[in-house]
Protein backbone atom coordinates (compact mmCIF):
# COMPACT_ATOMS: atom_id res chain seq x y z
CA MET A 1 93.25 100.15 105.60
CA GLN A 2 90.57 97.61 106.47
CA ASP A 3 89.22 94.97 104.13
CA LEU A 4 86.11 95.65 102.05
CA ASN A 5 83.34 93.12 101.44
CA VAL A 6 81.67 93.58 98.06
CA THR A 7 78.68 91.76 96.60
CA LEU A 8 77.88 91.60 92.90
CA ILE A 9 74.45 90.65 91.62
CA GLN A 10 74.42 89.31 88.08
CA ALA A 11 70.83 88.85 86.93
CA THR A 12 68.49 88.92 83.97
CA LEU A 13 66.36 92.05 83.53
CA ASP A 14 62.72 92.51 82.55
CA TRP A 15 62.48 94.79 79.52
CA HIS A 16 60.90 98.17 80.33
CA ASP A 17 59.47 96.94 83.65
CA ALA A 18 60.94 98.85 86.56
CA SER A 19 58.49 97.44 89.08
CA ALA A 20 59.34 93.83 88.19
CA ASN A 21 63.07 94.56 88.30
CA ARG A 22 62.84 96.25 91.69
CA ALA A 23 60.96 93.23 93.01
CA ARG A 24 63.61 90.88 91.60
CA PHE A 25 66.51 92.76 93.13
CA ASN A 26 64.64 93.24 96.39
CA ASP A 27 64.46 89.44 96.70
CA LEU A 28 68.06 88.93 95.59
CA ILE A 29 69.41 91.46 98.08
CA SER A 30 67.30 89.87 100.81
CA ASP A 31 68.98 86.55 99.97
CA ILE A 32 72.50 87.82 100.73
CA ASN A 33 73.51 85.71 103.72
CA GLU A 34 76.98 86.99 104.55
CA PRO A 35 78.33 90.35 105.73
CA THR A 36 78.88 92.91 103.00
CA ASP A 37 79.64 96.61 102.72
CA LEU A 38 78.67 97.23 99.10
CA VAL A 39 76.06 95.67 96.80
CA VAL A 40 76.44 96.33 93.07
CA LEU A 41 73.65 96.03 90.48
CA PRO A 42 74.08 96.16 86.67
CA GLU A 43 73.71 99.14 84.35
CA THR A 44 70.12 100.30 83.68
CA PHE A 45 68.88 97.63 86.05
CA THR A 46 65.27 98.88 85.99
CA THR A 47 64.73 98.75 82.22
CA GLY A 48 67.52 97.06 80.33
CA PHE A 49 69.72 99.05 77.92
CA THR A 50 67.05 100.99 76.07
CA MET A 51 66.97 104.22 74.09
CA ASP A 52 63.31 104.82 75.02
CA THR A 53 64.29 107.58 77.42
CA GLU A 54 61.05 109.54 77.18
CA HIS A 55 58.90 106.70 78.51
CA GLN A 56 61.37 104.88 80.78
CA ALA A 57 63.08 107.73 82.61
CA GLU A 58 62.55 108.42 86.29
CA THR A 59 63.57 111.35 88.48
CA MET A 60 65.71 111.64 91.58
CA THR A 61 62.51 111.76 93.62
CA GLY A 62 60.98 108.78 91.80
CA ASP A 63 60.17 105.23 92.85
CA THR A 64 63.54 103.60 92.21
CA VAL A 65 65.69 106.16 94.00
CA GLY A 66 63.34 106.01 96.98
CA TRP A 67 63.51 102.22 96.89
CA LEU A 68 67.33 102.28 96.86
CA LYS A 69 67.38 104.56 99.89
CA ARG A 70 64.94 102.39 101.83
CA LEU A 71 66.78 99.18 101.00
CA ALA A 72 70.18 100.61 101.91
CA ARG A 73 68.82 101.75 105.24
CA GLU A 74 67.01 98.47 105.92
CA PHE A 75 70.02 96.25 105.23
CA ASP A 76 72.65 98.76 106.46
CA VAL A 77 74.63 98.48 103.24
CA THR A 78 75.59 100.75 100.34
CA ILE A 79 73.84 99.84 97.08
CA CYS A 80 74.63 101.13 93.60
CA GLY A 81 73.43 100.61 90.03
CA SER A 82 72.35 102.82 87.13
CA LEU A 83 69.00 103.86 85.71
CA ILE A 84 67.65 106.45 83.28
CA ILE A 85 67.19 109.78 85.04
CA GLU A 86 65.48 112.87 83.60
CA GLU A 87 66.67 116.21 84.90
CA GLN A 88 65.82 119.64 83.47
CA GLY A 89 64.92 118.17 80.09
CA HIS A 90 68.06 116.03 79.85
CA TYR A 91 68.32 112.25 80.15
CA TYR A 92 71.25 110.62 81.90
CA ASN A 93 72.47 107.06 82.31
CA ARG A 94 73.12 107.69 85.99
CA LEU A 95 74.76 105.48 88.56
CA ILE A 96 73.14 106.08 91.94
CA TRP A 97 75.27 105.53 95.05
CA ALA A 98 72.94 104.90 97.98
CA PRO A 99 74.58 104.53 101.42
CA PRO A 100 72.65 103.64 104.59
CA ASP A 101 72.66 107.24 105.82
CA GLY A 102 70.62 108.39 102.80
CA GLN A 103 73.28 110.80 101.48
CA LEU A 104 73.01 109.97 97.79
CA ALA A 105 75.79 110.51 95.28
CA SER A 106 75.88 109.84 91.54
CA TYR A 107 77.93 109.48 88.37
CA ASN A 108 76.60 110.18 84.86
CA LYS A 109 77.97 107.92 82.12
CA ARG A 110 80.49 109.90 80.09
CA HIS A 111 81.10 107.68 77.06
CA LEU A 112 77.82 107.06 75.26
CA PHE A 113 77.66 104.03 72.98
CA ARG A 114 77.66 105.44 69.46
CA PRO A 115 76.79 102.20 67.55
CA VAL A 116 73.24 102.11 68.99
CA GLY A 117 72.72 105.88 69.13
CA GLU A 118 73.01 106.33 72.90
CA ARG A 119 74.54 109.74 72.29
CA ASP A 120 71.34 110.78 70.45
CA HIS A 121 69.14 110.03 73.46
CA PHE A 122 71.30 110.77 76.50
CA THR A 123 73.42 113.65 77.74
CA PRO A 124 76.99 112.63 78.59
CA GLY A 125 78.47 113.17 82.02
CA GLN A 126 81.42 115.51 82.32
CA GLU A 127 83.16 114.54 85.55
CA ARG A 128 84.48 111.41 87.14
CA SER A 129 83.26 110.63 90.65
CA ILE A 130 85.08 109.13 93.60
CA PHE A 131 83.01 107.68 96.45
CA THR A 132 84.36 106.54 99.81
CA ILE A 133 83.34 103.67 102.03
CA ASN A 134 85.24 102.29 105.04
CA GLY A 135 88.41 104.12 104.01
CA TRP A 136 88.23 102.84 100.42
CA ARG A 137 88.10 105.20 97.45
CA ILE A 138 85.87 103.83 94.70
CA CYS A 139 85.64 105.12 91.13
CA PRO A 140 82.37 104.09 89.44
CA LEU A 141 82.17 103.90 85.66
CA ILE A 142 79.60 102.50 83.23
CA CYS A 143 79.96 99.93 80.44
CA TYR A 144 81.44 101.69 77.34
CA ASP A 145 83.66 103.74 79.70
CA LEU A 146 85.77 100.59 80.05
CA ARG A 147 87.17 101.08 76.54
CA PHE A 148 88.70 104.48 77.36
CA PRO A 149 91.79 104.14 79.57
CA VAL A 150 92.55 107.85 79.83
CA PHE A 151 89.28 108.58 81.63
CA SER A 152 89.79 105.52 83.84
CA ARG A 153 93.39 106.40 84.64
CA GLY A 154 94.15 107.06 88.30
CA VAL A 155 97.41 108.15 89.90
CA ASP A 156 96.65 106.79 93.36
CA ALA A 157 93.19 108.41 93.06
CA TYR A 158 91.16 105.33 94.00
CA ASP A 159 91.46 101.78 95.29
CA LEU A 160 88.66 100.09 93.35
CA LEU A 161 87.54 100.70 89.77
CA LEU A 162 83.89 99.68 89.56
CA TYR A 163 82.26 99.06 86.18
CA ILE A 164 78.58 98.23 85.78
CA ALA A 165 77.37 97.13 82.37
CA ASN A 166 74.96 95.71 79.82
CA TRP A 167 77.89 94.23 77.86
CA PRO A 168 76.78 91.93 74.99
CA LYS A 169 77.97 88.36 74.61
CA ALA A 170 79.22 89.19 71.11
CA ARG A 171 81.97 91.38 72.60
CA ARG A 172 82.73 89.40 75.76
CA SER A 173 86.42 88.95 74.83
CA ALA A 174 86.97 92.71 75.11
CA TRP A 175 85.26 92.79 78.53
CA ARG A 176 87.37 89.91 79.80
CA THR A 177 90.56 91.54 78.50
CA LEU A 178 90.03 95.12 79.58
CA LEU A 179 88.86 94.59 83.17
CA PRO A 180 92.14 92.92 84.23
CA ALA A 181 94.11 95.48 82.20
CA ARG A 182 92.52 98.36 84.09
CA ALA A 183 93.43 96.75 87.42
CA VAL A 184 97.04 96.17 86.43
CA GLU A 185 97.70 99.57 84.88
CA ASN A 186 96.10 101.47 87.77
CA LEU A 187 97.45 99.33 90.65
CA CYS A 188 93.98 98.76 92.02
CA TYR A 189 91.18 96.24 92.26
CA SER A 190 88.64 96.25 89.44
CA MET A 191 85.11 94.91 89.54
CA GLY A 192 82.75 94.45 86.62
CA VAL A 193 79.05 93.66 87.09
CA ASN A 194 77.17 92.66 83.96
CA ARG A 195 73.70 91.26 83.27
CA VAL A 196 72.60 87.98 81.69
CA GLY A 197 69.73 86.92 79.44
CA VAL A 198 68.29 88.49 76.30
CA ASP A 199 66.90 92.03 76.12
CA GLY A 200 63.93 93.47 74.23
CA ASN A 201 66.09 94.10 71.17
CA GLY A 202 67.20 90.48 71.02
CA VAL A 203 70.71 91.21 72.32
CA GLU A 204 72.22 88.34 74.34
CA TYR A 205 74.36 88.91 77.45
CA ALA A 206 76.92 86.42 78.76
CA GLY A 207 77.44 87.83 82.25
CA ASP A 208 81.17 87.32 82.91
CA SER A 209 80.95 89.51 86.01
CA MET A 210 84.28 89.46 87.76
CA VAL A 211 86.50 90.87 90.47
CA VAL A 212 90.20 91.30 89.65
CA ASP A 213 93.11 92.16 91.92
CA PHE A 214 96.04 94.48 91.21
CA PHE A 215 98.07 91.61 89.69
CA GLY A 216 95.27 90.98 87.18
CA SER A 217 94.31 87.73 88.93
CA LEU A 218 90.64 86.76 89.00
CA LEU A 219 89.09 86.66 92.47
CA VAL A 220 85.56 86.14 91.13
CA ASP A 221 84.65 84.92 87.64
CA CYS A 222 80.98 84.33 86.85
CA ASP A 223 79.51 82.37 83.95
CA ASP A 224 76.29 83.22 82.11
CA ASP A 225 73.85 82.28 84.90
CA GLU A 226 72.39 84.49 87.62
CA HIS A 227 74.78 84.91 90.54
CA ILE A 228 75.04 86.62 93.90
CA VAL A 229 78.70 86.60 94.92
CA THR A 230 80.39 88.24 97.89
CA THR A 231 84.16 88.53 98.15
CA ARG A 232 86.61 90.33 100.40
CA LEU A 233 89.13 92.84 99.07
CA ASP A 234 92.37 92.94 101.07
CA GLY A 235 93.24 96.57 101.73
CA ASN A 236 96.59 95.90 103.38
CA ALA A 237 97.73 93.74 100.49
CA LEU A 238 96.91 96.58 98.09
CA GLN A 239 98.89 99.08 100.16
CA ARG A 240 101.88 96.75 100.43
CA TYR A 241 101.92 96.19 96.69
CA ARG A 242 101.76 99.89 95.89
CA LYS A 243 104.64 100.53 98.27
CA LYS A 244 106.73 97.71 96.80
CA PHE A 245 105.86 98.48 93.17
CA PRO A 246 104.97 102.22 92.97
CA ALA A 247 104.46 102.41 89.22
CA HIS A 248 101.81 105.08 89.73
CA LEU A 249 104.59 107.52 90.66
CA ASP A 250 105.92 107.25 87.10
CA ALA A 251 102.57 107.61 85.35
CA ASP A 252 102.23 110.18 82.57
CA ARG A 253 100.41 113.36 83.50
CA TYR A 254 97.57 114.50 81.29
CA ARG A 255 94.58 116.82 81.06
CA LEU A 256 91.19 115.85 79.71
CA ASP A 257 89.75 118.22 77.10
CA ASP A 258 86.00 118.82 77.16
């Protein structure tokens, strides 16, 4: 199992301005100056975390999806992040997985954030997704999903748990606790990519984007500034640890109810 180079981009977002946000991330991705396989953008990176679905939604044939495909092809790298997608009258907080070959995949956020009424404006996803890149199995999840360990649970189903978020500064302690916990309990790497700045509702974000190994040790730990960070995940080390400490073989079996 070869190593995987991953790049996180922690940035501020322009409220309800997809064009400005695409331009920002276009420049930031262009600034990556070391080899990488995967570039990860925050949740709802085109708009900020808004409930204005009717006016801010795009489609799978819209400007941002086309932009992701072009950028992935141009830089020969897989890029992912979420945006609001309208499909057959439903709105989804959808993570788009854009590899260089143009074969898009996606994951729709399952756990919608009740305290701000996300469940009143979006349709929840029903299935977990697993994407593959360079022999790695990656499970993408979005923000509030982090609080629900059953849905995140993997019995050797993936090698990297990937969370993208608009996680507020007020609850940063939960973010910093749960990301390492998910890595330890699932014998995998975990990666959380959050935003910084203040959104159009006055909510402040502290960043704290991080990459955690299967011991729960921090490989990357960002503060509350903008960051572009690339790190290498050691695939052989992960395999050796799972062989030496195969706790996943004793994991409880379960079935998710709809």
